[in-house]
């Protein structure tokens, strides 16, 4: 009897575990329908927000002017011909120790803008509140979009920006930015911008004859996976 009882309890516990797992999966499924993200993504997002708030409330350990500039490389015309060879050479020189680096192309590298100045196509834009950047909150989207001409008509704060840039006060400009990020009680500053737009979808200008080399240029990120020995071909 005791054996039968123990077996019954085991079956009951297993059944209850299955029911709990089923309810958990159902809740996750409903959550995914509402938010569009999986349970694992939601968990990681929650962790990211907590870490962001923890960093926000922590006292800064160094001043802005004590932060070193990112390591910058300026390849020659010849070095710029093959991105993978150039990056591999940088790795051999120890560039990986910096975590991230900046590569500035030669002055002759001037790819054309794929968007026509007279384009009437509406581009999807994003809204970002500077004071909320440290809170791990997602962007707001302008799904209706905005044309390039209408975008230019908006007051983008270019007067202050151009004034500081003309005086080469880049440090002051950057300090203003981080002051806004950290001072969450100040008047909100909303930035609208359109970025990360695929050329195949929003490009309105065909490559002209003189611009054709840029379409197949080795540094064209859309085609870098086609380069020999590129690990991107496995993605």
C-alpha atoms as a PDB file:
ATOM      1  CA  UNK A   1       0.000   0.000   0.000  1.00  0.00           C
ATOM      2  CA  UNK A   2       2.778   2.338   0.902  1.00  0.00           C
ATOM      3  CA  UNK A   3       4.377   1.578  -2.444  1.00  0.00           C
ATOM      4  CA  UNK A   4       1.114   2.275  -4.258  1.00  0.00           C
ATOM      5  CA  UNK A   5       0.679   5.478  -2.262  1.00  0.00           C
ATOM      6  CA  UNK A   6       4.192   6.688  -3.083  1.00  0.00           C
ATOM      7  CA  UNK A   7       3.658   5.917  -6.761  1.00  0.00           C
ATOM      8  CA  UNK A   8       0.360   7.815  -6.691  1.00  0.00           C
ATOM      9  CA  UNK A   9       2.062  10.823  -5.078  1.00  0.00           C
ATOM     10  CA  UNK A  10       4.809  10.761  -7.710  1.00  0.00           C
ATOM     11  CA  UNK A  11       2.273  10.715 -10.529  1.00  0.00           C
ATOM     12  CA  UNK A  12       0.317  13.540  -8.879  1.00  0.00           C
ATOM     13  CA  UNK A  13       3.456  15.660  -8.487  1.00  0.00           C
ATOM     14  CA  UNK A  14       4.431  15.033 -12.093  1.00  0.00           C
ATOM     15  CA  UNK A  15       0.945  15.976 -13.291  1.00  0.00           C
ATOM     16  CA  UNK A  16       1.008  19.180 -11.245  1.00  0.00           C
ATOM     17  CA  UNK A  17       4.435  20.052 -12.679  1.00  0.00           C
ATOM     18  CA  UNK A  18       3.108  19.535 -16.211  1.00  0.00           C
ATOM     19  CA  UNK A  19       0.087  21.749 -15.474  1.00  0.00           C
ATOM     20  CA  UNK A  20       2.327  24.492 -14.063  1.00  0.00           C
ATOM     21  CA  UNK A  21       4.623  24.313 -17.071  1.00  0.00           C
ATOM     22  CA  UNK A  22       1.602  24.443 -19.366  1.00  0.00           C
ATOM     23  CA  UNK A  23       0.249  27.540 -17.581  1.00  0.00           C
ATOM     24  CA  UNK A  24       3.707  29.127 -17.692  1.00  0.00           C
ATOM     25  CA  UNK A  25       3.988  28.520 -21.420  1.00  0.00           C
ATOM     26  CA  UNK A  26       0.493  29.890 -21.946  1.00  0.00           C
ATOM     27  CA  UNK A  27       1.391  33.074 -20.064  1.00  0.00           C
ATOM     28  CA  UNK A  28       4.607  33.397 -22.077  1.00  0.00           C
ATOM     29  CA  UNK A  29       2.666  32.905 -25.273  1.00  0.00           C
ATOM     30  CA  UNK A  30       0.176  35.629 -24.320  1.00  0.00           C
ATOM     31  CA  UNK A  31       3.061  37.922 -23.362  1.00  0.00           C
ATOM     32  CA  UNK A  32       4.742  37.320 -26.679  1.00  0.00           C
ATOM     33  CA  UNK A  33       1.528  38.230 -28.497  1.00  0.00           C
ATOM     34  CA  UNK A  34       1.314  41.540 -26.632  1.00  0.00           C
ATOM     35  CA  UNK A  35       4.957  42.638 -26.563  1.00  0.00           C
ATOM     36  CA  UNK A  36       6.320  40.873 -29.611  1.00  0.00           C
ATOM     37  CA  UNK A  37       9.285  39.523 -27.634  1.00  0.00           C
ATOM     38  CA  UNK A  38       9.971  36.106 -26.182  1.00  0.00           C
ATOM     39  CA  UNK A  39      10.127  35.321 -22.492  1.00  0.00           C
ATOM     40  CA  UNK A  40      13.918  35.080 -22.623  1.00  0.00           C
ATOM     41  CA  UNK A  41      14.199  38.454 -24.380  1.00  0.00           C
ATOM     42  CA  UNK A  42      11.864  39.973 -21.800  1.00  0.00           C
ATOM     43  CA  UNK A  43      14.025  38.566 -18.992  1.00  0.00           C
ATOM     44  CA  UNK A  44      17.209  39.993 -20.537  1.00  0.00           C
ATOM     45  CA  UNK A  45      15.508  43.357 -21.076  1.00  0.00           C
ATOM     46  CA  UNK A  46      14.488  43.462 -17.405  1.00  0.00           C
ATOM     47  CA  UNK A  47      18.076  42.753 -16.354  1.00  0.00           C
ATOM     48  CA  UNK A  48      19.371  45.449 -18.714  1.00  0.00           C
ATOM     49  CA  UNK A  49      16.957  48.024 -17.282  1.00  0.00           C
ATOM     50  CA  UNK A  50      17.951  47.153 -13.698  1.00  0.00           C
ATOM     51  CA  UNK A  51      21.642  47.442 -14.576  1.00  0.00           C
ATOM     52  CA  UNK A  52      21.006  50.734 -16.346  1.00  0.00           C
ATOM     53  CA  UNK A  53      19.192  52.185 -13.336  1.00  0.00           C
ATOM     54  CA  UNK A  54      21.940  50.941 -11.024  1.00  0.00           C
ATOM     55  CA  UNK A  55      24.572  52.689 -13.158  1.00  0.00           C
ATOM     56  CA  UNK A  56      22.417  55.803 -13.323  1.00  0.00           C
ATOM     57  CA  UNK A  57      22.247  56.065  -9.533  1.00  0.00           C
ATOM     58  CA  UNK A  58      25.938  55.327  -9.063  1.00  0.00           C
ATOM     59  CA  UNK A  59      28.342  58.219  -8.602  1.00  0.00           C
ATOM     60  CA  UNK A  60      30.669  58.789 -11.565  1.00  0.00           C
ATOM     61  CA  UNK A  61      34.161  57.534 -10.867  1.00  0.00           C
ATOM     62  CA  UNK A  62      35.895  59.814 -13.379  1.00  0.00           C
ATOM     63  CA  UNK A  63      35.233  63.138 -15.030  1.00  0.00           C
ATOM     64  CA  UNK A  64      34.366  63.438 -18.690  1.00  0.00           C
ATOM     65  CA  UNK A  65      37.657  65.120 -19.519  1.00  0.00           C
ATOM     66  CA  UNK A  66      39.527  62.158 -18.024  1.00  0.00           C
ATOM     67  CA  UNK A  67      38.084  59.694 -20.525  1.00  0.00           C
ATOM     68  CA  UNK A  68      40.576  58.768 -23.229  1.00  0.00           C
ATOM     69  CA  UNK A  69      39.632  59.205 -26.866  1.00  0.00           C
ATOM     70  CA  UNK A  70      38.906  56.081 -28.870  1.00  0.00           C
ATOM     71  CA  UNK A  71      41.892  54.686 -30.767  1.00  0.00           C
ATOM     72  CA  UNK A  72      41.649  55.986 -34.337  1.00  0.00           C
ATOM     73  CA  UNK A  73      43.236  54.551 -37.468  1.00  0.00           C
ATOM     74  CA  UNK A  74      43.562  56.274 -40.838  1.00  0.00           C
ATOM     75  CA  UNK A  75      44.419  53.761 -43.577  1.00  0.00           C
ATOM     76  CA  UNK A  76      46.240  54.851 -46.720  1.00  0.00           C
ATOM     77  CA  UNK A  77      44.686  54.446 -50.167  1.00  0.00           C
ATOM     78  CA  UNK A  78      46.518  51.158 -50.603  1.00  0.00           C
ATOM     79  CA  UNK A  79      45.640  49.829 -47.130  1.00  0.00           C
ATOM     80  CA  UNK A  80      41.981  50.699 -47.675  1.00  0.00           C
ATOM     81  CA  UNK A  81      41.651  48.400 -50.694  1.00  0.00           C
ATOM     82  CA  UNK A  82      40.993  45.252 -48.656  1.00  0.00           C
ATOM     83  CA  UNK A  83      39.090  45.656 -45.364  1.00  0.00           C
ATOM     84  CA  UNK A  84      39.699  42.124 -44.095  1.00  0.00           C
ATOM     85  CA  UNK A  85      43.452  42.278 -44.671  1.00  0.00           C
ATOM     86  CA  UNK A  86      43.601  45.711 -43.042  1.00  0.00           C
ATOM     87  CA  UNK A  87      41.578  44.643 -39.995  1.00  0.00           C
ATOM     88  CA  UNK A  88      43.674  41.481 -39.650  1.00  0.00           C
ATOM     89  CA  UNK A  89      46.846  43.591 -39.649  1.00  0.00           C
ATOM     90  CA  UNK A  90      45.357  45.834 -36.962  1.00  0.00           C
ATOM     91  CA  UNK A  91      44.625  42.743 -34.898  1.00  0.00           C
ATOM     92  CA  UNK A  92      48.227  41.614 -35.223  1.00  0.00           C
ATOM     93  CA  UNK A  93      49.315  45.049 -34.029  1.00  0.00           C
ATOM     94  CA  UNK A  94      47.232  44.591 -30.876  1.00  0.00           C
ATOM     95  CA  UNK A  95      44.179  46.699 -31.780  1.00  0.00           C
ATOM     96  CA  UNK A  96      41.890  44.150 -30.097  1.00  0.00           C
ATOM     97  CA  UNK A  97      43.167  45.343 -26.716  1.00  0.00           C
ATOM     98  CA  UNK A  98      41.178  48.577 -27.118  1.00  0.00           C
ATOM     99  CA  UNK A  99      37.779  46.887 -27.192  1.00  0.00           C
ATOM    100  CA  UNK A 100      36.600  49.121 -30.019  1.00  0.00           C
ATOM    101  CA  UNK A 101      38.392  51.320 -32.535  1.00  0.00           C
ATOM    102  CA  UNK A 102      37.569  53.916 -35.170  1.00  0.00           C
ATOM    103  CA  UNK A 103      38.643  53.579 -38.806  1.00  0.00           C
ATOM    104  CA  UNK A 104      38.495  56.778 -40.850  1.00  0.00           C
ATOM    105  CA  UNK A 105      38.588  56.279 -44.646  1.00  0.00           C
ATOM    106  CA  UNK A 106      40.950  58.232 -46.901  1.00  0.00           C
ATOM    107  CA  UNK A 107      39.710  61.668 -47.994  1.00  0.00           C
ATOM    108  CA  UNK A 108      39.060  60.340 -51.507  1.00  0.00           C
ATOM    109  CA  UNK A 109      36.397  57.925 -50.233  1.00  0.00           C
ATOM    110  CA  UNK A 110      33.125  59.781 -50.827  1.00  0.00           C
ATOM    111  CA  UNK A 111      30.229  57.381 -51.424  1.00  0.00           C
ATOM    112  CA  UNK A 112      27.095  59.010 -52.869  1.00  0.00           C
ATOM    113  CA  UNK A 113      23.953  59.667 -50.877  1.00  0.00           C
ATOM    114  CA  UNK A 114      21.281  57.205 -52.093  1.00  0.00           C
ATOM    115  CA  UNK A 115      18.454  59.570 -51.143  1.00  0.00           C
ATOM    116  CA  UNK A 116      17.441  62.228 -53.635  1.00  0.00           C
ATOM    117  CA  UNK A 117      17.078  65.740 -52.197  1.00  0.00           C
ATOM    118  CA  UNK A 118      13.729  66.049 -53.973  1.00  0.00           C
ATOM    119  CA  UNK A 119      12.396  62.720 -52.760  1.00  0.00           C
ATOM    120  CA  UNK A 120       8.795  62.709 -51.536  1.00  0.00           C
ATOM    121  CA  UNK A 121       9.138  59.298 -49.911  1.00  0.00           C
ATOM    122  CA  UNK A 122       8.262  59.275 -46.219  1.00  0.00           C
ATOM    123  CA  UNK A 123      11.011  57.890 -44.027  1.00  0.00           C
ATOM    124  CA  UNK A 124      10.169  56.197 -40.706  1.00  0.00           C
ATOM    125  CA  UNK A 125      11.793  58.123 -37.870  1.00  0.00           C
ATOM    126  CA  UNK A 126      12.442  57.568 -34.181  1.00  0.00           C
ATOM    127  CA  UNK A 127      11.946  59.735 -31.128  1.00  0.00           C
ATOM    128  CA  UNK A 128      14.444  59.591 -28.315  1.00  0.00           C
ATOM    129  CA  UNK A 129      14.163  61.495 -25.043  1.00  0.00           C
ATOM    130  CA  UNK A 130      17.710  62.335 -23.964  1.00  0.00           C
ATOM    131  CA  UNK A 131      16.829  62.259 -20.257  1.00  0.00           C
ATOM    132  CA  UNK A 132      15.530  58.683 -20.601  1.00  0.00           C
ATOM    133  CA  UNK A 133      18.553  57.209 -22.343  1.00  0.00           C
ATOM    134  CA  UNK A 134      19.903  55.792 -19.083  1.00  0.00           C
ATOM    135  CA  UNK A 135      16.631  54.064 -18.210  1.00  0.00           C
ATOM    136  CA  UNK A 136      16.771  51.297 -20.782  1.00  0.00           C
ATOM    137  CA  UNK A 137      13.468  52.300 -22.377  1.00  0.00           C
ATOM    138  CA  UNK A 138      12.701  51.557 -26.055  1.00  0.00           C
ATOM    139  CA  UNK A 139      12.378  54.245 -28.708  1.00  0.00           C
ATOM    140  CA  UNK A 140       9.099  55.729 -29.856  1.00  0.00           C
ATOM    141  CA  UNK A 141       8.483  55.464 -33.583  1.00  0.00           C
ATOM    142  CA  UNK A 142       6.879  57.792 -36.081  1.00  0.00           C
ATOM    143  CA  UNK A 143       5.358  55.059 -38.207  1.00  0.00           C
ATOM    144  CA  UNK A 144       3.675  57.607 -40.506  1.00  0.00           C
ATOM    145  CA  UNK A 145       7.098  58.792 -41.582  1.00  0.00           C
ATOM    146  CA  UNK A 146       8.374  62.172 -42.711  1.00  0.00           C
ATOM    147  CA  UNK A 147       9.817  63.459 -45.982  1.00  0.00           C
ATOM    148  CA  UNK A 148      13.328  64.831 -46.219  1.00  0.00           C
ATOM    149  CA  UNK A 149      12.095  68.350 -47.046  1.00  0.00           C
ATOM    150  CA  UNK A 150       9.716  68.402 -44.044  1.00  0.00           C
ATOM    151  CA  UNK A 151      12.488  67.104 -41.836  1.00  0.00           C
ATOM    152  CA  UNK A 152      14.730  69.995 -42.847  1.00  0.00           C
ATOM    153  CA  UNK A 153      12.024  72.513 -41.965  1.00  0.00           C
ATOM    154  CA  UNK A 154      12.023  71.434 -38.341  1.00  0.00           C
ATOM    155  CA  UNK A 155      14.025  73.260 -35.709  1.00  0.00           C
ATOM    156  CA  UNK A 156      16.790  70.794 -35.008  1.00  0.00           C
ATOM    157  CA  UNK A 157      18.820  72.987 -32.701  1.00  0.00           C
ATOM    158  CA  UNK A 158      21.420  73.494 -35.415  1.00  0.00           C
ATOM    159  CA  UNK A 159      22.171  77.072 -34.349  1.00  0.00           C
ATOM    160  CA  UNK A 160      23.711  76.060 -31.021  1.00  0.00           C
ATOM    161  CA  UNK A 161      25.383  73.037 -32.578  1.00  0.00           C
ATOM    162  CA  UNK A 162      26.958  74.941 -35.469  1.00  0.00           C
ATOM    163  CA  UNK A 163      28.083  77.721 -33.143  1.00  0.00           C
ATOM    164  CA  UNK A 164      29.931  75.322 -30.853  1.00  0.00           C
ATOM    165  CA  UNK A 165      31.406  73.339 -33.734  1.00  0.00           C
ATOM    166  CA  UNK A 166      32.665  76.479 -35.476  1.00  0.00           C
ATOM    167  CA  UNK A 167      34.488  77.368 -32.263  1.00  0.00           C
ATOM    168  CA  UNK A 168      35.757  73.787 -31.991  1.00  0.00           C
ATOM    169  CA  UNK A 169      34.130  73.420 -28.582  1.00  0.00           C
ATOM    170  CA  UNK A 170      33.503  69.702 -29.004  1.00  0.00           C
ATOM    171  CA  UNK A 171      34.160  68.955 -25.332  1.00  0.00           C
ATOM    172  CA  UNK A 172      31.575  71.529 -24.278  1.00  0.00           C
ATOM    173  CA  UNK A 173      29.051  70.053 -26.692  1.00  0.00           C
ATOM    174  CA  UNK A 174      29.630  66.547 -25.369  1.00  0.00           C
ATOM    175  CA  UNK A 175      29.429  67.733 -21.760  1.00  0.00           C
ATOM    176  CA  UNK A 176      26.059  69.354 -22.480  1.00  0.00           C
ATOM    177  CA  UNK A 177      24.813  66.060 -23.896  1.00  0.00           C
ATOM    178  CA  UNK A 178      25.824  63.978 -20.867  1.00  0.00           C
ATOM    179  CA  UNK A 179      24.461  66.614 -18.499  1.00  0.00           C
ATOM    180  CA  UNK A 180      21.068  66.176 -20.152  1.00  0.00           C
ATOM    181  CA  UNK A 181      21.354  62.381 -19.928  1.00  0.00           C
ATOM    182  CA  UNK A 182      22.161  62.430 -16.210  1.00  0.00           C
ATOM    183  CA  UNK A 183      19.788  65.239 -15.175  1.00  0.00           C
ATOM    184  CA  UNK A 184      16.488  63.386 -15.515  1.00  0.00           C
ATOM    185  CA  UNK A 185      14.579  66.168 -13.730  1.00  0.00           C
ATOM    186  CA  UNK A 186      15.438  68.786 -16.358  1.00  0.00           C
ATOM    187  CA  UNK A 187      13.127  69.797 -19.193  1.00  0.00           C
ATOM    188  CA  UNK A 188      12.844  66.881 -21.584  1.00  0.00           C
ATOM    189  CA  UNK A 189      14.694  67.118 -24.874  1.00  0.00           C
ATOM    190  CA  UNK A 190      13.289  64.939 -27.641  1.00  0.00           C
ATOM    191  CA  UNK A 191      15.367  64.083 -30.676  1.00  0.00           C
ATOM    192  CA  UNK A 192      13.784  62.871 -33.884  1.00  0.00           C
ATOM    193  CA  UNK A 193      16.006  61.124 -36.349  1.00  0.00           C
ATOM    194  CA  UNK A 194      15.905  58.669 -39.224  1.00  0.00           C
ATOM    195  CA  UNK A 195      18.738  56.164 -39.310  1.00  0.00           C
ATOM    196  CA  UNK A 196      19.546  52.539 -40.076  1.00  0.00           C
ATOM    197  CA  UNK A 197      17.368  52.635 -43.185  1.00  0.00           C
ATOM    198  CA  UNK A 198      18.169  50.002 -45.833  1.00  0.00           C
ATOM    199  CA  UNK A 199      19.107  51.498 -49.186  1.00  0.00           C
ATOM    200  CA  UNK A 200      17.224  48.793 -51.082  1.00  0.00           C
ATOM    201  CA  UNK A 201      13.988  49.962 -49.454  1.00  0.00           C
ATOM    202  CA  UNK A 202      14.393  53.719 -49.046  1.00  0.00           C
ATOM    203  CA  UNK A 203      17.042  54.599 -51.604  1.00  0.00           C
ATOM    204  CA  UNK A 204      15.546  56.848 -54.292  1.00  0.00           C
ATOM    205  CA  UNK A 205      18.664  57.566 -56.300  1.00  0.00           C
ATOM    206  CA  UNK A 206      20.335  55.140 -58.661  1.00  0.00           C
ATOM    207  CA  UNK A 207      24.089  54.849 -58.813  1.00  0.00           C
ATOM    208  CA  UNK A 208      25.418  57.131 -61.516  1.00  0.00           C
ATOM    209  CA  UNK A 209      28.200  56.035 -63.829  1.00  0.00           C
ATOM    210  CA  UNK A 210      30.926  57.726 -61.781  1.00  0.00           C
ATOM    211  CA  UNK A 211      29.495  56.307 -58.557  1.00  0.00           C
ATOM    212  CA  UNK A 212      29.250  52.707 -59.771  1.00  0.00           C
ATOM    213  CA  UNK A 213      32.568  51.618 -58.158  1.00  0.00           C
ATOM    214  CA  UNK A 214      31.070  52.332 -54.732  1.00  0.00           C
ATOM    215  CA  UNK A 215      28.323  49.771 -55.276  1.00  0.00           C
ATOM    216  CA  UNK A 216      30.892  46.971 -55.401  1.00  0.00           C
ATOM    217  CA  UNK A 217      33.415  48.637 -53.108  1.00  0.00           C
ATOM    218  CA  UNK A 218      35.158  46.246 -50.665  1.00  0.00           C
ATOM    219  CA  UNK A 219      33.929  48.359 -47.733  1.00  0.00           C
ATOM    220  CA  UNK A 220      30.290  48.096 -48.811  1.00  0.00           C
ATOM    221  CA  UNK A 221      28.919  46.432 -45.669  1.00  0.00           C
ATOM    222  CA  UNK A 222      26.026  44.913 -47.624  1.00  0.00           C
ATOM    223  CA  UNK A 223      28.508  42.881 -49.642  1.00  0.00           C
ATOM    224  CA  UNK A 224      31.330  42.304 -47.186  1.00  0.00           C
ATOM    225  CA  UNK A 225      30.022  38.795 -46.568  1.00  0.00           C
ATOM    226  CA  UNK A 226      30.978  37.971 -50.156  1.00  0.00           C
ATOM    227  CA  UNK A 227      34.643  38.712 -49.524  1.00  0.00           C
ATOM    228  CA  UNK A 228      37.060  35.792 -49.469  1.00  0.00           C
ATOM    229  CA  UNK A 229      37.676  34.485 -45.942  1.00  0.00           C
ATOM    230  CA  UNK A 230      34.880  36.632 -44.516  1.00  0.00           C
ATOM    231  CA  UNK A 231      33.234  34.962 -41.511  1.00  0.00           C
ATOM    232  CA  UNK A 232      30.085  36.936 -42.338  1.00  0.00           C
ATOM    233  CA  UNK A 233      29.337  34.443 -45.109  1.00  0.00           C
ATOM    234  CA  UNK A 234      28.369  31.954 -42.400  1.00  0.00           C
ATOM    235  CA  UNK A 235      25.832  34.286 -40.746  1.00  0.00           C
END
